[in-house]
Amino acid sequence: MKGEETVDDIKCVVLEQAYSDGHIALMYIDTSNYSLYKTRQPSLNQMGAEVETDVIFSDYKDVDGIPSPHLVTIFQDGEEFVIMTVSEIKYNSGFEDSFFKME
């Protein structure tokens, strides 16, 4: 836990995850409802260069009692890169456990 930070006028708890390759991912949790607001981590752009990537999760709606983001916006080096609108989320939709088995 890295403490608290205000991001886009939203008070967040900041969590840090360090990977074995040295990369660090940050997760910003909205303190008003404890939902994930934003992640920040390095990634590769279309040209293969490393960039800082922010993912903003918004438009939370209740799905089967679970607050779920229906809008995801991705920024690479501060520039809007992708906007995804989620039209439907289904939980426990009948996949067999074998579907998730790693081989």
PDB file of N, CA and C in Angstrom:
ATOM      1  N   MET A   1       0.850  -1.169   0.000  1.00  0.00           N
ATOM      2  CA  MET A   1       0.000   0.000   0.000  1.00  0.00           C
ATOM      3  C   MET A   1       0.893   1.229   0.000  1.00  0.00           C
ATOM      4  N   LYS A   2       0.599   2.143  -0.937  1.00  0.00           N
ATOM      5  CA  LYS A   2       1.423   3.341  -1.101  1.00  0.00           C
ATOM      6  C   LYS A   2       0.801   4.574  -0.449  1.00  0.00           C
ATOM      7  N   GLY A   3      -0.375   4.431   0.163  1.00  0.00           N
ATOM      8  CA  GLY A   3      -1.023   5.573   0.786  1.00  0.00           C
ATOM      9  C   GLY A   3      -2.233   6.012  -0.014  1.00  0.00           C
ATOM     10  N   GLU A   4      -2.568   7.300   0.129  1.00  0.00           N
ATOM     11  CA  GLU A   4      -3.729   7.853  -0.570  1.00  0.00           C
ATOM     12  C   GLU A   4      -3.291   8.929  -1.550  1.00  0.00           C
ATOM     13  N   GLU A   5      -4.075   9.082  -2.612  1.00  0.00           N
ATOM     14  CA  GLU A   5      -3.799  10.088  -3.635  1.00  0.00           C
ATOM     15  C   GLU A   5      -5.126  10.497  -4.272  1.00  0.00           C
ATOM     16  N   THR A   6      -5.258  11.762  -4.608  1.00  0.00           N
ATOM     17  CA  THR A   6      -6.445  12.225  -5.315  1.00  0.00           C
ATOM     18  C   THR A   6      -6.152  12.213  -6.809  1.00  0.00           C
ATOM     19  N   VAL A   7      -6.996  11.493  -7.551  1.00  0.00           N
ATOM     20  CA  VAL A   7      -6.832  11.352  -8.998  1.00  0.00           C
ATOM     21  C   VAL A   7      -8.132  11.785  -9.650  1.00  0.00           C
ATOM     22  N   ASP A   8      -8.065  12.789 -10.525  1.00  0.00           N
ATOM     23  CA  ASP A   8      -9.268  13.288 -11.204  1.00  0.00           C
ATOM     24  C   ASP A   8     -10.372  13.618 -10.196  1.00  0.00           C
ATOM     25  N   ASP A   9      -9.997  14.275  -9.110  1.00  0.00           N
ATOM     26  CA  ASP A   9     -10.922  14.666  -8.031  1.00  0.00           C
ATOM     27  C   ASP A   9     -11.521  13.476  -7.289  1.00  0.00           C
ATOM     28  N   ILE A  10     -10.924  12.304  -7.401  1.00  0.00           N
ATOM     29  CA  ILE A  10     -11.388  11.110  -6.701  1.00  0.00           C
ATOM     30  C   ILE A  10     -10.309  10.694  -5.706  1.00  0.00           C
ATOM     31  N   LYS A  11     -10.693  10.615  -4.435  1.00  0.00           N
ATOM     32  CA  LYS A  11      -9.761  10.194  -3.406  1.00  0.00           C
ATOM     33  C   LYS A  11      -9.570   8.688  -3.516  1.00  0.00           C
ATOM     34  N   CYS A  12      -8.314   8.262  -3.664  1.00  0.00           N
ATOM     35  CA  CYS A  12      -8.010   6.847  -3.898  1.00  0.00           C
ATOM     36  C   CYS A  12      -6.966   6.325  -2.911  1.00  0.00           C
ATOM     37  N   VAL A  13      -7.081   5.054  -2.593  1.00  0.00           N
ATOM     38  CA  VAL A  13      -6.012   4.304  -1.948  1.00  0.00           C
ATOM     39  C   VAL A  13      -5.165   3.745  -3.081  1.00  0.00           C
ATOM     40  N   VAL A  14      -3.845   3.851  -2.952  1.00  0.00           N
ATOM     41  CA  VAL A  14      -2.948   3.391  -4.014  1.00  0.00           C
ATOM     42  C   VAL A  14      -2.253   2.112  -3.563  1.00  0.00           C
ATOM     43  N   LEU A  15      -2.397   1.069  -4.376  1.00  0.00           N
ATOM     44  CA  LEU A  15      -1.728  -0.208  -4.134  1.00  0.00           C
ATOM     45  C   LEU A  15      -0.663  -0.407  -5.198  1.00  0.00           C
ATOM     46  N   GLU A  16       0.465  -0.964  -4.799  1.00  0.00           N
ATOM     47  CA  GLU A  16       1.565  -1.197  -5.735  1.00  0.00           C
ATOM     48  C   GLU A  16       1.860  -2.685  -5.811  1.00  0.00           C
ATOM     49  N   GLN A  17       2.038  -3.174  -7.041  1.00  0.00           N
ATOM     50  CA  GLN A  17       2.442  -4.550  -7.245  1.00  0.00           C
ATOM     51  C   GLN A  17       3.746  -4.549  -8.024  1.00  0.00           C
ATOM     52  N   ALA A  18       4.784  -5.161  -7.455  1.00  0.00           N
ATOM     53  CA  ALA A  18       6.082  -5.247  -8.119  1.00  0.00           C
ATOM     54  C   ALA A  18       6.229  -6.634  -8.733  1.00  0.00           C
ATOM     55  N   TYR A  19       6.625  -6.672  -9.991  1.00  0.00           N
ATOM     56  CA  TYR A  19       6.815  -7.934 -10.704  1.00  0.00           C
ATOM     57  C   TYR A  19       8.291  -8.325 -10.692  1.00  0.00           C
ATOM     58  N   SER A  20       8.571  -9.591 -10.904  1.00  0.00           N
ATOM     59  CA  SER A  20       9.949 -10.090 -10.859  1.00  0.00           C
ATOM     60  C   SER A  20      10.833  -9.467 -11.939  1.00  0.00           C
ATOM     61  N   ASP A  21      10.213  -8.960 -13.031  1.00  0.00           N
ATOM     62  CA  ASP A  21      11.008  -8.337 -14.092  1.00  0.00           C
ATOM     63  C   ASP A  21      11.318  -6.868 -13.814  1.00  0.00           C
ATOM     64  N   GLY A  22      10.897  -6.379 -12.643  1.00  0.00           N
ATOM     65  CA  GLY A  22      11.185  -4.996 -12.261  1.00  0.00           C
ATOM     66  C   GLY A  22      10.067  -4.018 -12.557  1.00  0.00           C
ATOM     67  N   HIS A  23       9.091  -4.418 -13.343  1.00  0.00           N
ATOM     68  CA  HIS A  23       7.967  -3.531 -13.633  1.00  0.00           C
ATOM     69  C   HIS A  23       7.080  -3.383 -12.400  1.00  0.00           C
ATOM     70  N   ILE A  24       6.459  -2.225 -12.304  1.00  0.00           N
ATOM     71  CA  ILE A  24       5.569  -1.932 -11.181  1.00  0.00           C
ATOM     72  C   ILE A  24       4.209  -1.527 -11.732  1.00  0.00           C
ATOM     73  N   ALA A  25       3.157  -2.095 -11.155  1.00  0.00           N
ATOM     74  CA  ALA A  25       1.784  -1.721 -11.506  1.00  0.00           C
ATOM     75  C   ALA A  25       1.164  -1.040 -10.292  1.00  0.00           C
ATOM     76  N   LEU A  26       0.427   0.031 -10.559  1.00  0.00           N
ATOM     77  CA  LEU A  26      -0.292   0.734  -9.503  1.00  0.00           C
ATOM     78  C   LEU A  26      -1.782   0.561  -9.717  1.00  0.00           C
ATOM     79  N   MET A  27      -2.507   0.364  -8.627  1.00  0.00           N
ATOM     80  CA  MET A  27      -3.970   0.266  -8.670  1.00  0.00           C
ATOM     81  C   MET A  27      -4.528   1.354  -7.769  1.00  0.00           C
ATOM     82  N   TYR A  28      -5.464   2.123  -8.292  1.00  0.00           N
ATOM     83  CA  TYR A  28      -6.080   3.223  -7.564  1.00  0.00           C
ATOM     84  C   TYR A  28      -7.510   2.817  -7.221  1.00  0.00           C
ATOM     85  N   ILE A  29      -7.790   2.678  -5.927  1.00  0.00           N
ATOM     86  CA  ILE A  29      -9.090   2.233  -5.450  1.00  0.00           C
ATOM     87  C   ILE A  29      -9.850   3.433  -4.906  1.00  0.00           C
ATOM     88  N   ASP A  30     -11.034   3.702  -5.448  1.00  0.00           N
ATOM     89  CA  ASP A  30     -11.894   4.813  -5.020  1.00  0.00           C
ATOM     90  C   ASP A  30     -12.325   4.576  -3.583  1.00  0.00           C
ATOM     91  N   THR A  31     -11.982   5.511  -2.674  1.00  0.00           N
ATOM     92  CA  THR A  31     -12.305   5.313  -1.258  1.00  0.00           C
ATOM     93  C   THR A  31     -13.786   5.500  -0.945  1.00  0.00           C
ATOM     94  N   SER A  32     -14.552   6.085  -1.864  1.00  0.00           N
ATOM     95  CA  SER A  32     -15.978   6.296  -1.586  1.00  0.00           C
ATOM     96  C   SER A  32     -16.790   5.010  -1.727  1.00  0.00           C
ATOM     97  N   ASN A  33     -16.303   4.059  -2.553  1.00  0.00           N
ATOM     98  CA  ASN A  33     -17.055   2.815  -2.752  1.00  0.00           C
ATOM     99  C   ASN A  33     -16.145   1.585  -2.902  1.00  0.00           C
ATOM    100  N   TYR A  34     -14.832   1.782  -2.805  1.00  0.00           N
ATOM    101  CA  TYR A  34     -13.821   0.729  -2.883  1.00  0.00           C
ATOM    102  C   TYR A  34     -13.837  -0.030  -4.207  1.00  0.00           C
ATOM    103  N   SER A  35     -14.221   0.670  -5.276  1.00  0.00           N
ATOM    104  CA  SER A  35     -14.138   0.075  -6.609  1.00  0.00           C
ATOM    105  C   SER A  35     -12.823   0.507  -7.259  1.00  0.00           C
ATOM    106  N   LEU A  36     -12.357  -0.312  -8.186  1.00  0.00           N
ATOM    107  CA  LEU A  36     -11.140   0.014  -8.924  1.00  0.00           C
ATOM    108  C   LEU A  36     -11.431   1.188  -9.844  1.00  0.00           C
ATOM    109  N   TYR A  37     -10.680   2.281  -9.680  1.00  0.00           N
ATOM    110  CA  TYR A  37     -10.866   3.446 -10.543  1.00  0.00           C
ATOM    111  C   TYR A  37      -9.858   3.446 -11.688  1.00  0.00           C
ATOM    112  N   LYS A  38      -8.599   3.101 -11.377  1.00  0.00           N
ATOM    113  CA  LYS A  38      -7.554   3.263 -12.385  1.00  0.00           C
ATOM    114  C   LYS A  38      -6.413   2.294 -12.111  1.00  0.00           C
ATOM    115  N   THR A  39      -5.755   1.861 -13.186  1.00  0.00           N
ATOM    116  CA  THR A  39      -4.487   1.145 -13.070  1.00  0.00           C
ATOM    117  C   THR A  39      -3.449   1.898 -13.889  1.00  0.00           C
ATOM    118  N   ARG A  40      -2.203   1.771 -13.487  1.00  0.00           N
ATOM    119  CA  ARG A  40      -1.095   2.382 -14.242  1.00  0.00           C
ATOM    120  C   ARG A  40       0.056   1.388 -14.246  1.00  0.00           C
ATOM    121  N   GLN A  41       0.557   1.128 -15.462  1.00  0.00           N
ATOM    122  CA  GLN A  41       1.696   0.226 -15.583  1.00  0.00           C
ATOM    123  C   GLN A  41       2.348   0.416 -16.942  1.00  0.00           C
ATOM    124  N   PRO A  42       3.586  -0.016 -17.068  1.00  0.00           N
ATOM    125  CA  PRO A  42       4.225   0.058 -18.381  1.00  0.00           C
ATOM    126  C   PRO A  42       3.652  -1.011 -19.306  1.00  0.00           C
ATOM    127  N   SER A  43       3.608  -0.693 -20.590  1.00  0.00           N
ATOM    128  CA  SER A  43       3.204  -1.662 -21.609  1.00  0.00           C
ATOM    129  C   SER A  43       3.893  -1.272 -22.914  1.00  0.00           C
ATOM    130  N   LEU A  44       3.619  -2.016 -23.962  1.00  0.00           N
ATOM    131  CA  LEU A  44       4.214  -1.718 -25.264  1.00  0.00           C
ATOM    132  C   LEU A  44       3.164  -1.082 -26.168  1.00  0.00           C
ATOM    133  N   ASN A  45       3.571  -0.044 -26.909  1.00  0.00           N
ATOM    134  CA  ASN A  45       2.643   0.571 -27.868  1.00  0.00           C
ATOM    135  C   ASN A  45       2.677  -0.196 -29.182  1.00  0.00           C
ATOM    136  N   GLN A  46       1.977   0.309 -30.183  1.00  0.00           N
ATOM    137  CA  GLN A  46       1.885  -0.381 -31.471  1.00  0.00           C
ATOM    138  C   GLN A  46       3.231  -0.521 -32.169  1.00  0.00           C
ATOM    139  N   MET A  47       4.166   0.348 -31.830  1.00  0.00           N
ATOM    140  CA  MET A  47       5.490   0.300 -32.448  1.00  0.00           C
ATOM    141  C   MET A  47       6.468  -0.556 -31.645  1.00  0.00           C
ATOM    142  N   GLY A  48       6.011  -1.094 -30.507  1.00  0.00           N
ATOM    143  CA  GLY A  48       6.863  -1.934 -29.673  1.00  0.00           C
ATOM    144  C   GLY A  48       7.670  -1.177 -28.644  1.00  0.00           C
ATOM    145  N   ALA A  49       7.428   0.133 -28.518  1.00  0.00           N
ATOM    146  CA  ALA A  49       8.138   0.934 -27.521  1.00  0.00           C
ATOM    147  C   ALA A  49       7.384   0.896 -26.203  1.00  0.00           C
ATOM    148  N   GLU A  50       8.140   0.927 -25.109  1.00  0.00           N
ATOM    149  CA  GLU A  50       7.497   0.912 -23.797  1.00  0.00           C
ATOM    150  C   GLU A  50       6.863   2.272 -23.516  1.00  0.00           C
ATOM    151  N   VAL A  51       5.621   2.251 -23.056  1.00  0.00           N
ATOM    152  CA  VAL A  51       4.881   3.460 -22.715  1.00  0.00           C
ATOM    153  C   VAL A  51       4.191   3.250 -21.367  1.00  0.00           C
ATOM    154  N   GLU A  52       3.822   4.356 -20.730  1.00  0.00           N
ATOM    155  CA  GLU A  52       3.047   4.269 -19.504  1.00  0.00           C
ATOM    156  C   GLU A  52       1.572   4.183 -19.876  1.00  0.00           C
ATOM    157  N   THR A  53       0.903   3.157 -19.383  1.00  0.00           N
ATOM    158  CA  THR A  53      -0.494   2.917 -19.740  1.00  0.00           C
ATOM    159  C   THR A  53      -1.382   3.087 -18.517  1.00  0.00           C
ATOM    160  N   ASP A  54      -2.376   3.944 -18.651  1.00  0.00           N
ATOM    161  CA  ASP A  54      -3.400   4.138 -17.626  1.00  0.00           C
ATOM    162  C   ASP A  54      -4.700   3.558 -18.149  1.00  0.00           C
ATOM    163  N   VAL A  55      -5.388   2.812 -17.298  1.00  0.00           N
ATOM    164  CA  VAL A  55      -6.697   2.267 -17.638  1.00  0.00           C
ATOM    165  C   VAL A  55      -7.680   2.810 -16.606  1.00  0.00           C
ATOM    166  N   ILE A  56      -8.722   3.510 -17.098  1.00  0.00           N
ATOM    167  CA  ILE A  56      -9.740   4.100 -16.235  1.00  0.00           C
ATOM    168  C   ILE A  56     -11.009   3.266 -16.346  1.00  0.00           C
ATOM    169  N   PHE A  57     -11.537   2.855 -15.198  1.00  0.00           N
ATOM    170  CA  PHE A  57     -12.762   2.066 -15.144  1.00  0.00           C
ATOM    171  C   PHE A  57     -13.885   2.965 -14.629  1.00  0.00           C
ATOM    172  N   SER A  58     -15.005   3.034 -15.375  1.00  0.00           N
ATOM    173  CA  SER A  58     -16.099   3.921 -14.963  1.00  0.00           C
ATOM    174  C   SER A  58     -17.447   3.344 -15.386  1.00  0.00           C
ATOM    175  N   ASP A  59     -18.476   4.123 -15.164  1.00  0.00           N
ATOM    176  CA  ASP A  59     -19.855   3.725 -15.461  1.00  0.00           C
ATOM    177  C   ASP A  59     -20.180   2.381 -14.811  1.00  0.00           C
ATOM    178  N   TYR A  60     -19.911   2.317 -13.500  1.00  0.00           N
ATOM    179  CA  TYR A  60     -20.211   1.088 -12.758  1.00  0.00           C
ATOM    180  C   TYR A  60     -21.718   0.889 -12.656  1.00  0.00           C
ATOM    181  N   LYS A  61     -22.144  -0.340 -12.916  1.00  0.00           N
ATOM    182  CA  LYS A  61     -23.543  -0.729 -12.773  1.00  0.00           C
ATOM    183  C   LYS A  61     -23.587  -2.041 -12.005  1.00  0.00           C
ATOM    184  N   ASP A  62     -24.669  -2.259 -11.287  1.00  0.00           N
ATOM    185  CA  ASP A  62     -24.842  -3.484 -10.533  1.00  0.00           C
ATOM    186  C   ASP A  62     -25.204  -4.630 -11.473  1.00  0.00           C
ATOM    187  N   VAL A  63     -24.400  -5.699 -11.440  1.00  0.00           N
ATOM    188  CA  VAL A  63     -24.674  -6.906 -12.227  1.00  0.00           C
ATOM    189  C   VAL A  63     -24.656  -8.077 -11.251  1.00  0.00           C
ATOM    190  N   ASP A  64     -25.807  -8.653 -11.011  1.00  0.00           N
ATOM    191  CA  ASP A  64     -25.923  -9.780 -10.078  1.00  0.00           C
ATOM    192  C   ASP A  64     -25.316  -9.452  -8.714  1.00  0.00           C
ATOM    193  N   GLY A  65     -25.521  -8.218  -8.265  1.00  0.00           N
ATOM    194  CA  GLY A  65     -25.020  -7.805  -6.961  1.00  0.00           C
ATOM    195  C   GLY A  65     -23.559  -7.401  -6.946  1.00  0.00           C
ATOM    196  N   ILE A  66     -22.926  -7.356  -8.102  1.00  0.00           N
ATOM    197  CA  ILE A  66     -21.510  -7.006  -8.205  1.00  0.00           C
ATOM    198  C   ILE A  66     -21.374  -5.707  -8.990  1.00  0.00           C
ATOM    199  N   PRO A  67     -20.825  -4.640  -8.386  1.00  0.00           N
ATOM    200  CA  PRO A  67     -20.583  -3.414  -9.151  1.00  0.00           C
ATOM    201  C   PRO A  67     -19.555  -3.695 -10.248  1.00  0.00           C
ATOM    202  N   SER A  68     -19.929  -3.422 -11.499  1.00  0.00           N
ATOM    203  CA  SER A  68     -19.095  -3.784 -12.646  1.00  0.00           C
ATOM    204  C   SER A  68     -18.941  -2.602 -13.589  1.00  0.00           C
ATOM    205  N   PRO A  69     -17.695  -2.308 -14.008  1.00  0.00           N
ATOM    206  CA  PRO A  69     -17.488  -1.174 -14.917  1.00  0.00           C
ATOM    207  C   PRO A  69     -18.013  -1.479 -16.320  1.00  0.00           C
ATOM    208  N   HIS A  70     -18.704  -0.510 -16.899  1.00  0.00           N
ATOM    209  CA  HIS A  70     -19.228  -0.659 -18.255  1.00  0.00           C
ATOM    210  C   HIS A  70     -18.549   0.286 -19.253  1.00  0.00           C
ATOM    211  N   LEU A  71     -17.575   1.041 -18.773  1.00  0.00           N
ATOM    212  CA  LEU A  71     -16.784   1.908 -19.641  1.00  0.00           C
ATOM    213  C   LEU A  71     -15.330   1.791 -19.211  1.00  0.00           C
ATOM    214  N   VAL A  72     -14.455   1.471 -20.164  1.00  0.00           N
ATOM    215  CA  VAL A  72     -13.028   1.332 -19.901  1.00  0.00           C
ATOM    216  C   VAL A  72     -12.299   2.216 -20.907  1.00  0.00           C
ATOM    217  N   THR A  73     -11.481   3.127 -20.399  1.00  0.00           N
ATOM    218  CA  THR A  73     -10.728   4.033 -21.263  1.00  0.00           C
ATOM    219  C   THR A  73      -9.242   3.795 -21.016  1.00  0.00           C
ATOM    220  N   ILE A  74      -8.491   3.602 -22.102  1.00  0.00           N
ATOM    221  CA  ILE A  74      -7.061   3.328 -22.004  1.00  0.00           C
ATOM    222  C   ILE A  74      -6.290   4.509 -22.580  1.00  0.00           C
ATOM    223  N   PHE A  75      -5.303   4.959 -21.810  1.00  0.00           N
ATOM    224  CA  PHE A  75      -4.416   6.043 -22.234  1.00  0.00           C
ATOM    225  C   PHE A  75      -2.997   5.492 -22.325  1.00  0.00           C
ATOM    226  N   GLN A  76      -2.271   5.866 -23.378  1.00  0.00           N
ATOM    227  CA  GLN A  76      -0.860   5.523 -23.490  1.00  0.00           C
ATOM    228  C   GLN A  76      -0.070   6.812 -23.537  1.00  0.00           C
ATOM    229  N   ASP A  77       0.851   6.965 -22.586  1.00  0.00           N
ATOM    230  CA  ASP A  77       1.623   8.204 -22.419  1.00  0.00           C
ATOM    231  C   ASP A  77       0.724   9.438 -22.417  1.00  0.00           C
ATOM    232  N   GLY A  78      -0.411   9.343 -21.741  1.00  0.00           N
ATOM    233  CA  GLY A  78      -1.312  10.478 -21.573  1.00  0.00           C
ATOM    234  C   GLY A  78      -2.274  10.728 -22.716  1.00  0.00           C
ATOM    235  N   GLU A  79      -2.134   9.999 -23.809  1.00  0.00           N
ATOM    236  CA  GLU A  79      -3.014  10.178 -24.962  1.00  0.00           C
ATOM    237  C   GLU A  79      -4.084   9.082 -24.982  1.00  0.00           C
ATOM    238  N   GLU A  80      -5.330   9.491 -25.198  1.00  0.00           N
ATOM    239  CA  GLU A  80      -6.414   8.509 -25.267  1.00  0.00           C
ATOM    240  C   GLU A  80      -6.140   7.536 -26.407  1.00  0.00           C
ATOM    241  N   PHE A  81      -6.192   6.248 -26.097  1.00  0.00           N
ATOM    242  CA  PHE A  81      -5.846   5.216 -27.066  1.00  0.00           C
ATOM    243  C   PHE A  81      -7.053   4.355 -27.438  1.00  0.00           C
ATOM    244  N   VAL A  82      -7.833   3.934 -26.436  1.00  0.00           N
ATOM    245  CA  VAL A  82      -8.982   3.063 -26.672  1.00  0.00           C
ATOM    246  C   VAL A  82     -10.092   3.430 -25.698  1.00  0.00           C
ATOM    247  N   ILE A  83     -11.327   3.415 -26.201  1.00  0.00           N
ATOM    248  CA  ILE A  83     -12.502   3.515 -25.338  1.00  0.00           C
ATOM    249  C   ILE A  83     -13.348   2.272 -25.605  1.00  0.00           C
ATOM    250  N   MET A  84     -13.644   1.522 -24.537  1.00  0.00           N
ATOM    251  CA  MET A  84     -14.463   0.318 -24.675  1.00  0.00           C
ATOM    252  C   MET A  84     -15.740   0.498 -23.863  1.00  0.00           C
ATOM    253  N   THR A  85     -16.867   0.278 -24.508  1.00  0.00           N
ATOM    254  CA  THR A  85     -18.152   0.290 -23.834  1.00  0.00           C
ATOM    255  C   THR A  85     -18.632  -1.145 -23.719  1.00  0.00           C
ATOM    256  N   VAL A  86     -18.936  -1.547 -22.502  1.00  0.00           N
ATOM    257  CA  VAL A  86     -19.391  -2.915 -22.240  1.00  0.00           C
ATOM    258  C   VAL A  86     -20.911  -2.904 -22.248  1.00  0.00           C
ATOM    259  N   SER A  87     -21.504  -3.698 -23.113  1.00  0.00           N
ATOM    260  CA  SER A  87     -22.965  -3.712 -23.220  1.00  0.00           C
ATOM    261  C   SER A  87     -23.604  -4.772 -22.335  1.00  0.00           C
ATOM    262  N   GLU A  88     -22.855  -5.836 -22.011  1.00  0.00           N
ATOM    263  CA  GLU A  88     -23.443  -6.895 -21.187  1.00  0.00           C
ATOM    264  C   GLU A  88     -22.345  -7.640 -20.441  1.00  0.00           C
ATOM    265  N   ILE A  89     -22.614  -7.943 -19.188  1.00  0.00           N
ATOM    266  CA  ILE A  89     -21.715  -8.758 -18.372  1.00  0.00           C
ATOM    267  C   ILE A  89     -22.543  -9.886 -17.784  1.00  0.00           C
ATOM    268  N   LYS A  90     -22.016 -11.115 -17.874  1.00  0.00           N
ATOM    269  CA  LYS A  90     -22.682 -12.266 -17.280  1.00  0.00           C
ATOM    270  C   LYS A  90     -21.704 -12.962 -16.350  1.00  0.00           C
ATOM    271  N   TYR A  91     -22.155 -13.238 -15.149  1.00  0.00           N
ATOM    272  CA  TYR A  91     -21.373 -14.007 -14.195  1.00  0.00           C
ATOM    273  C   TYR A  91     -21.970 -15.402 -14.080  1.00  0.00           C
ATOM    274  N   ASN A  92     -21.102 -16.370 -13.839  1.00  0.00           N
ATOM    275  CA  ASN A  92     -21.542 -17.759 -13.648  1.00  0.00           C
ATOM    276  C   ASN A  92     -22.450 -18.199 -14.792  1.00  0.00           C
ATOM    277  N   SER A  93     -21.943 -18.074 -15.997  1.00  0.00           N
ATOM    278  CA  SER A  93     -22.756 -18.343 -17.178  1.00  0.00           C
ATOM    279  C   SER A  93     -22.718 -19.796 -17.644  1.00  0.00           C
ATOM    280  N   GLY A  94     -22.175 -20.691 -16.818  1.00  0.00           N
ATOM    281  CA  GLY A  94     -22.251 -22.101 -17.162  1.00  0.00           C
ATOM    282  C   GLY A  94     -20.982 -22.709 -17.722  1.00  0.00           C
ATOM    283  N   PHE A  95     -19.861 -21.986 -17.728  1.00  0.00           N
ATOM    284  CA  PHE A  95     -18.611 -22.596 -18.179  1.00  0.00           C
ATOM    285  C   PHE A  95     -18.217 -23.711 -17.216  1.00  0.00           C
ATOM    286  N   GLU A  96     -17.805 -24.818 -17.759  1.00  0.00           N
ATOM    287  CA  GLU A  96     -17.299 -25.914 -16.940  1.00  0.00           C
ATOM    288  C   GLU A  96     -15.927 -25.526 -16.395  1.00  0.00           C
ATOM    289  N   ASP A  97     -15.575 -26.040 -15.229  1.00  0.00           N
ATOM    290  CA  ASP A  97     -14.268 -25.745 -14.631  1.00  0.00           C
ATOM    291  C   ASP A  97     -13.125 -26.119 -15.568  1.00  0.00           C
ATOM    292  N   SER A  98     -13.315 -27.146 -16.401  1.00  0.00           N
ATOM    293  CA  SER A  98     -12.264 -27.600 -17.317  1.00  0.00           C
ATOM    294  C   SER A  98     -11.900 -26.520 -18.340  1.00  0.00           C
ATOM    295  N   PHE A  99     -12.793 -25.605 -18.601  1.00  0.00           N
ATOM    296  CA  PHE A  99     -12.529 -24.504 -19.544  1.00  0.00           C
ATOM    297  C   PHE A  99     -11.344 -23.669 -19.066  1.00  0.00           C
ATOM    298  N   PHE A 100     -11.151 -23.575 -17.746  1.00  0.00           N
ATOM    299  CA  PHE A 100     -10.116 -22.715 -17.171  1.00  0.00           C
ATOM    300  C   PHE A 100      -8.838 -23.478 -16.811  1.00  0.00           C
ATOM    301  N   LYS A 101      -8.785 -24.769 -17.150  1.00  0.00           N
ATOM    302  CA  LYS A 101      -7.625 -25.576 -16.800  1.00  0.00           C
ATOM    303  C   LYS A 101      -6.438 -25.196 -17.681  1.00  0.00           C
ATOM    304  N   MET A 102      -5.302 -24.931 -17.030  1.00  0.00           N
ATOM    305  CA  MET A 102      -4.066 -24.596 -17.738  1.00  0.00           C
ATOM    306  C   MET A 102      -3.373 -25.887 -18.133  1.00  0.00           C
ATOM    307  N   GLU A 103      -2.902 -25.929 -19.367  1.00  0.00           N
ATOM    308  CA  GLU A 103      -2.191 -27.130 -19.832  1.00  0.00           C
ATOM    309  C   GLU A 103      -0.803 -26.764 -20.283  1.00  0.00           C
TER     310      GLU A 103
END
